[in-house]
C-alpha atoms as a PDB file:
ATOM      1  CA  MET A   1     145.598  21.113 150.849  1.00  0.00           C
ATOM      2  CA  LYS A   2     148.859  21.637 152.676  1.00  0.00           C
ATOM      3  CA  VAL A   3     149.519  21.120 156.373  1.00  0.00           C
ATOM      4  CA  LEU A   4     151.716  23.750 157.989  1.00  0.00           C
ATOM      5  CA  THR A   5     153.491  24.513 161.215  1.00  0.00           C
ATOM      6  CA  GLU A   6     152.730  27.776 162.987  1.00  0.00           C
ATOM      7  CA  GLU A   7     156.080  29.085 161.727  1.00  0.00           C
ATOM      8  CA  ASP A   8     155.150  28.197 158.116  1.00  0.00           C
ATOM      9  CA  ALA A   9     151.888  30.091 158.594  1.00  0.00           C
ATOM     10  CA  ARG A  10     153.755  33.084 159.997  1.00  0.00           C
ATOM     11  CA  GLU A  11     155.670  33.267 156.717  1.00  0.00           C
ATOM     12  CA  LEU A  12     152.344  33.303 154.815  1.00  0.00           C
ATOM     13  CA  LEU A  13     151.267  36.238 156.966  1.00  0.00           C
ATOM     14  CA  ASN A  14     154.452  38.236 156.287  1.00  0.00           C
ATOM     15  CA  GLY A  15     155.923  37.556 159.714  1.00  0.00           C
ATOM     16  CA  GLU A  16     152.752  38.137 161.722  1.00  0.00           C
ATOM     17  CA  SER A  17     151.730  35.469 164.212  1.00  0.00           C
ATOM     18  CA  LEU A  18     148.505  33.567 163.635  1.00  0.00           C
ATOM     19  CA  ASP A  19     147.058  34.708 166.951  1.00  0.00           C
ATOM     20  CA  SER A  20     147.770  38.361 166.149  1.00  0.00           C
ATOM     21  CA  PHE A  21     146.297  38.049 162.630  1.00  0.00           C
ATOM     22  CA  ILE A  22     143.151  36.354 163.956  1.00  0.00           C
ATOM     23  CA  SER A  23     142.774  38.943 166.717  1.00  0.00           C
ATOM     24  CA  GLN A  24     143.001  41.761 164.169  1.00  0.00           C
ATOM     25  CA  LEU A  25     140.419  40.051 161.951  1.00  0.00           C
ATOM     26  CA  SER A  26     138.112  39.567 164.910  1.00  0.00           C
ATOM     27  CA  ASN A  27     138.359  43.256 165.795  1.00  0.00           C
ATOM     28  CA  ARG A  28     137.946  44.494 162.211  1.00  0.00           C
ATOM     29  CA  LEU A  29     135.243  42.201 160.809  1.00  0.00           C
ATOM     30  CA  GLU A  30     131.546  42.498 161.627  1.00  0.00           C
ATOM     31  CA  LEU A  31     130.038  39.780 163.833  1.00  0.00           C
ATOM     32  CA  LEU A  32     127.267  38.187 161.776  1.00  0.00           C
ATOM     33  CA  GLY A  33     124.122  37.589 163.786  1.00  0.00           C
ATOM     34  CA  GLY A  34     125.836  37.289 167.154  1.00  0.00           C
ATOM     35  CA  THR A  35     127.592  34.402 168.832  1.00  0.00           C
ATOM     36  CA  ARG A  36     125.694  31.152 168.311  1.00  0.00           C
ATOM     37  CA  TRP A  37     125.576  27.656 169.711  1.00  0.00           C
ATOM     38  CA  THR A  38     127.452  25.131 167.619  1.00  0.00           C
ATOM     39  CA  PRO A  39     124.967  22.602 166.241  1.00  0.00           C
ATOM     40  CA  VAL A  40     125.124  19.190 167.903  1.00  0.00           C
ATOM     41  CA  ASN A  41     123.459  17.337 165.040  1.00  0.00           C
ATOM     42  CA  SER A  42     126.041  15.984 162.571  1.00  0.00           C
ATOM     43  CA  GLY A  43     123.859  16.899 159.594  1.00  0.00           C
ATOM     44  CA  ARG A  44     123.734  20.530 160.702  1.00  0.00           C
ATOM     45  CA  GLN A  45     127.456  20.486 161.463  1.00  0.00           C
ATOM     46  CA  ILE A  46     128.190  19.333 157.917  1.00  0.00           C
ATOM     47  CA  ALA A  47     125.754  21.912 156.504  1.00  0.00           C
ATOM     48  CA  LEU A  48     127.540  24.640 158.468  1.00  0.00           C
ATOM     49  CA  ALA A  49     130.933  23.387 157.236  1.00  0.00           C
ATOM     50  CA  ARG A  50     129.629  23.473 153.636  1.00  0.00           C
ATOM     51  CA  LEU A  51     128.158  26.951 154.136  1.00  0.00           C
ATOM     52  CA  PHE A  52     131.383  28.364 155.468  1.00  0.00           C
ATOM     53  CA  ALA A  53     133.481  26.658 152.755  1.00  0.00           C
ATOM     54  CA  TYR A  54     131.165  28.249 150.184  1.00  0.00           C
ATOM     55  CA  LEU A  55     131.383  31.694 151.788  1.00  0.00           C
ATOM     56  CA  VAL A  56     135.173  31.777 152.012  1.00  0.00           C
ATOM     57  CA  LYS A  57     135.968  30.358 148.617  1.00  0.00           C
ATOM     58  CA  GLY A  58     137.156  32.920 146.164  1.00  0.00           C
ATOM     59  CA  ASP A  59     140.499  34.119 144.949  1.00  0.00           C
ATOM     60  CA  SER A  60     142.135  33.801 148.350  1.00  0.00           C
ATOM     61  CA  ARG A  61     143.548  30.755 150.070  1.00  0.00           C
ATOM     62  CA  ILE A  62     141.948  29.596 153.320  1.00  0.00           C
ATOM     63  CA  CYS A  63     143.510  28.511 156.616  1.00  0.00           C
ATOM     64  CA  LEU A  64     142.028  26.245 159.260  1.00  0.00           C
ATOM     65  CA  TYR A  65     144.034  26.623 162.459  1.00  0.00           C
ATOM     66  CA  VAL A  66     143.243  24.114 165.214  1.00  0.00           C
ATOM     67  CA  THR A  67     144.134  25.707 168.549  1.00  0.00           C
ATOM     68  CA  ASP A  68     142.784  23.256 171.134  1.00  0.00           C
ATOM     69  CA  TRP A  69     141.878  19.580 171.005  1.00  0.00           C
ATOM     70  CA  SER A  70     141.834  16.508 173.267  1.00  0.00           C
ATOM     71  CA  ILE A  71     138.528  17.686 174.638  1.00  0.00           C
ATOM     72  CA  GLY A  72     137.493  14.072 175.143  1.00  0.00           C
ATOM     73  CA  THR A  73     134.914  13.826 172.382  1.00  0.00           C
ATOM     74  CA  GLU A  74     137.252  13.177 169.489  1.00  0.00           C
ATOM     75  CA  VAL A  75     138.312  10.105 167.604  1.00  0.00           C
ATOM     76  CA  LEU A  76     141.901  11.049 166.842  1.00  0.00           C
ATOM     77  CA  ASP A  77     142.355   7.970 164.666  1.00  0.00           C
ATOM     78  CA  LEU A  78     139.752   9.406 162.276  1.00  0.00           C
ATOM     79  CA  PHE A  79     141.557  12.747 162.118  1.00  0.00           C
ATOM     80  CA  TYR A  80     145.047  11.293 161.759  1.00  0.00           C
ATOM     81  CA  GLY A  81     143.781   8.710 159.288  1.00  0.00           C
ATOM     82  CA  TYR A  82     142.470  11.524 157.118  1.00  0.00           C
ATOM     83  CA  ARG A  83     145.775  13.378 157.323  1.00  0.00           C
ATOM     84  CA  ARG A  84     147.738  10.198 156.548  1.00  0.00           C
ATOM     85  CA  SER A  85     145.577   9.736 153.433  1.00  0.00           C
ATOM     86  CA  ILE A  86     147.089  12.957 152.062  1.00  0.00           C
ATOM     87  CA  GLY A  87     150.609  12.001 153.089  1.00  0.00           C
ATOM     88  CA  GLU A  88     150.758  13.965 156.354  1.00  0.00           C
ATOM     89  CA  GLY A  89     152.239  12.086 159.301  1.00  0.00           C
ATOM     90  CA  ARG A  90     153.019  14.876 161.784  1.00  0.00           C
ATOM     91  CA  LEU A  91     151.102  15.308 165.004  1.00  0.00           C
ATOM     92  CA  LEU A  92     148.532  18.077 165.311  1.00  0.00           C
ATOM     93  CA  ILE A  93     150.649  19.851 167.923  1.00  0.00           C
ATOM     94  CA  ASP A  94     153.513  20.063 165.414  1.00  0.00           C
ATOM     95  CA  ALA A  95     151.426  21.081 162.382  1.00  0.00           C
ATOM     96  CA  PRO A  96     148.061  22.616 163.397  1.00  0.00           C
ATOM     97  CA  VAL A  97     147.450  24.758 160.296  1.00  0.00           C
ATOM     98  CA  HIS A  98     145.723  23.527 157.140  1.00  0.00           C
ATOM     99  CA  LEU A  99     145.997  25.637 153.995  1.00  0.00           C
ATOM    100  CA  PHE A 100     143.387  25.211 151.262  1.00  0.00           C
ATOM    101  CA  ASP A 101     143.232  26.422 147.675  1.00  0.00           C
ATOM    102  CA  ARG A 102     139.951  26.909 145.811  1.00  0.00           C
ATOM    103  CA  ALA A 103     140.091  23.341 144.505  1.00  0.00           C
ATOM    104  CA  ASP A 104     140.282  21.973 148.072  1.00  0.00           C
ATOM    105  CA  GLU A 105     136.692  22.771 149.076  1.00  0.00           C
ATOM    106  CA  GLU A 106     135.785  19.163 149.947  1.00  0.00           C
ATOM    107  CA  ALA A 107     138.921  18.801 152.081  1.00  0.00           C
ATOM    108  CA  LEU A 108     137.957  21.990 153.937  1.00  0.00           C
ATOM    109  CA  VAL A 109     134.435  20.664 154.489  1.00  0.00           C
ATOM    110  CA  SER A 110     135.850  17.364 155.778  1.00  0.00           C
ATOM    111  CA  LEU A 111     138.285  18.900 158.248  1.00  0.00           C
ATOM    112  CA  LEU A 112     135.882  21.592 159.412  1.00  0.00           C
ATOM    113  CA  SER A 113     133.225  18.911 159.964  1.00  0.00           C
ATOM    114  CA  MET A 114     135.686  17.046 162.198  1.00  0.00           C
ATOM    115  CA  VAL A 115     136.355  20.264 164.133  1.00  0.00           C
ATOM    116  CA  PHE A 116     132.594  20.509 164.777  1.00  0.00           C
ATOM    117  CA  PHE A 117     132.192  16.773 165.510  1.00  0.00           C
ATOM    118  CA  PHE A 118     135.029  16.847 168.044  1.00  0.00           C
ATOM    119  CA  SER A 119     134.180  20.251 169.626  1.00  0.00           C
ATOM    120  CA  TRP A 120     137.642  21.637 168.922  1.00  0.00           C
ATOM    121  CA  ASP A 121     138.763  25.235 169.186  1.00  0.00           C
ATOM    122  CA  ALA A 122     139.690  26.496 165.736  1.00  0.00           C
ATOM    123  CA  SER A 123     139.809  29.547 163.513  1.00  0.00           C
ATOM    124  CA  VAL A 124     139.091  29.443 159.795  1.00  0.00           C
ATOM    125  CA  PHE A 125     139.866  32.479 157.672  1.00  0.00           C
ATOM    126  CA  ASP A 126     140.754  33.520 154.158  1.00  0.00           C
ATOM    127  CA  LEU A 127     144.166  35.098 153.677  1.00  0.00           C
ATOM    128  CA  ALA A 128     142.500  38.161 152.122  1.00  0.00           C
ATOM    129  CA  GLY A 129     140.914  38.796 155.538  1.00  0.00           C
ATOM    130  CA  ARG A 130     137.243  38.897 154.428  1.00  0.00           C
ATOM    131  CA  MET A 131     135.797  36.090 156.603  1.00  0.00           C
ATOM    132  CA  LEU A 132     136.540  34.488 159.957  1.00  0.00           C
ATOM    133  CA  LEU A 133     134.904  31.561 161.710  1.00  0.00           C
ATOM    134  CA  ARG A 134     135.861  30.814 165.317  1.00  0.00           C
ATOM    135  CA  THR A 135     134.712  27.690 167.138  1.00  0.00           C
ATOM    136  CA  SER A 136     135.074  26.719 170.770  1.00  0.00           C
ATOM    137  CA  HIS A 137     134.876  23.544 172.818  1.00  0.00           C
ATOM    138  CA  GLY A 138     132.523  25.604 174.990  1.00  0.00           C
ATOM    139  CA  GLY A 139     129.851  25.035 172.349  1.00  0.00           C
ATOM    140  CA  TRP A 140     129.863  28.438 170.659  1.00  0.00           C
ATOM    141  CA  LEU A 141     130.859  29.740 167.282  1.00  0.00           C
ATOM    142  CA  GLU A 142     131.019  33.095 165.638  1.00  0.00           C
ATOM    143  CA  VAL A 143     131.165  34.134 162.015  1.00  0.00           C
ATOM    144  CA  ARG A 144     132.629  37.486 161.043  1.00  0.00           C
ATOM    145  CA  GLY A 145     132.683  39.048 157.617  1.00  0.00           C
ATOM    146  CA  SER A 146     133.179  42.156 155.533  1.00  0.00           C
ATOM    147  CA  GLY A 147     131.401  43.300 152.430  1.00  0.00           C
ATOM    148  CA  ASP A 148     127.673  43.698 152.007  1.00  0.00           C
ATOM    149  CA  LYS A 149     127.110  40.646 149.796  1.00  0.00           C
ATOM    150  CA  ALA A 150     129.051  38.280 152.061  1.00  0.00           C
ATOM    151  CA  ILE A 151     127.299  39.588 155.165  1.00  0.00           C
ATOM    152  CA  ALA A 152     123.839  39.302 153.627  1.00  0.00           C
ATOM    153  CA  GLU A 153     124.522  35.778 152.329  1.00  0.00           C
ATOM    154  CA  ALA A 154     125.998  34.557 155.593  1.00  0.00           C
ATOM    155  CA  LEU A 155     123.201  35.996 157.735  1.00  0.00           C
ATOM    156  CA  PHE A 156     120.547  34.474 155.492  1.00  0.00           C
ATOM    157  CA  GLU A 157     122.175  31.036 155.556  1.00  0.00           C
ATOM    158  CA  LEU A 158     122.891  31.151 159.302  1.00  0.00           C
ATOM    159  CA  GLU A 159     119.237  31.951 159.926  1.00  0.00           C
ATOM    160  CA  ARG A 160     118.208  28.999 157.759  1.00  0.00           C
ATOM    161  CA  LEU A 161     120.343  26.708 159.943  1.00  0.00           C
ATOM    162  CA  GLN A 162     118.384  27.980 162.983  1.00  0.00           C
ATOM    163  CA  LEU A 163     121.376  28.090 165.306  1.00  0.00           C
ATOM    164  CA  PRO A 164     120.261  29.611 168.603  1.00  0.00           C
ATOM    165  CA  ALA A 165     122.092  32.544 170.117  1.00  0.00           C
ATOM    166  CA  TRP A 166     124.837  31.487 172.519  1.00  0.00           C
ATOM    167  CA  GLY A 167     123.866  31.916 176.138  1.00  0.00           C
ATOM    168  CA  SER A 168     120.153  31.523 175.472  1.00  0.00           C
END
């Protein structure tokens, strides 16, 4: 795993901003099963993190971009302690992007679990542009995907997690 600035990430995206790339993905990819409530149970949060890490792993690298934090529910010492354990000392505001290779699945699960635990706003996507997960401190999440197999797998697994539709 590497931790990047927004400018570093822009270079990965051939000069395109993260927000623009994510917006294009959101418009292009199919929403899988509608917007859902983020689970509040830590076991379900971890299961969802594992599911998404499984769905996005492949030949492409994966980015987790934290866009809003300090919601009041977090334990920043836990987050920064994790980042220090991999040699990263910068603040989240200075380096909000986490880049994962295929071998970094457990690191992705760990950081994505913290995003769920802390109710942070974040986007997780593969650089190939096949999958997108967006989370919000408002308690909702959405999963978007392309390709029949990925869509079928994701819908099946999301249904198994029994996450209610957002707004219901």
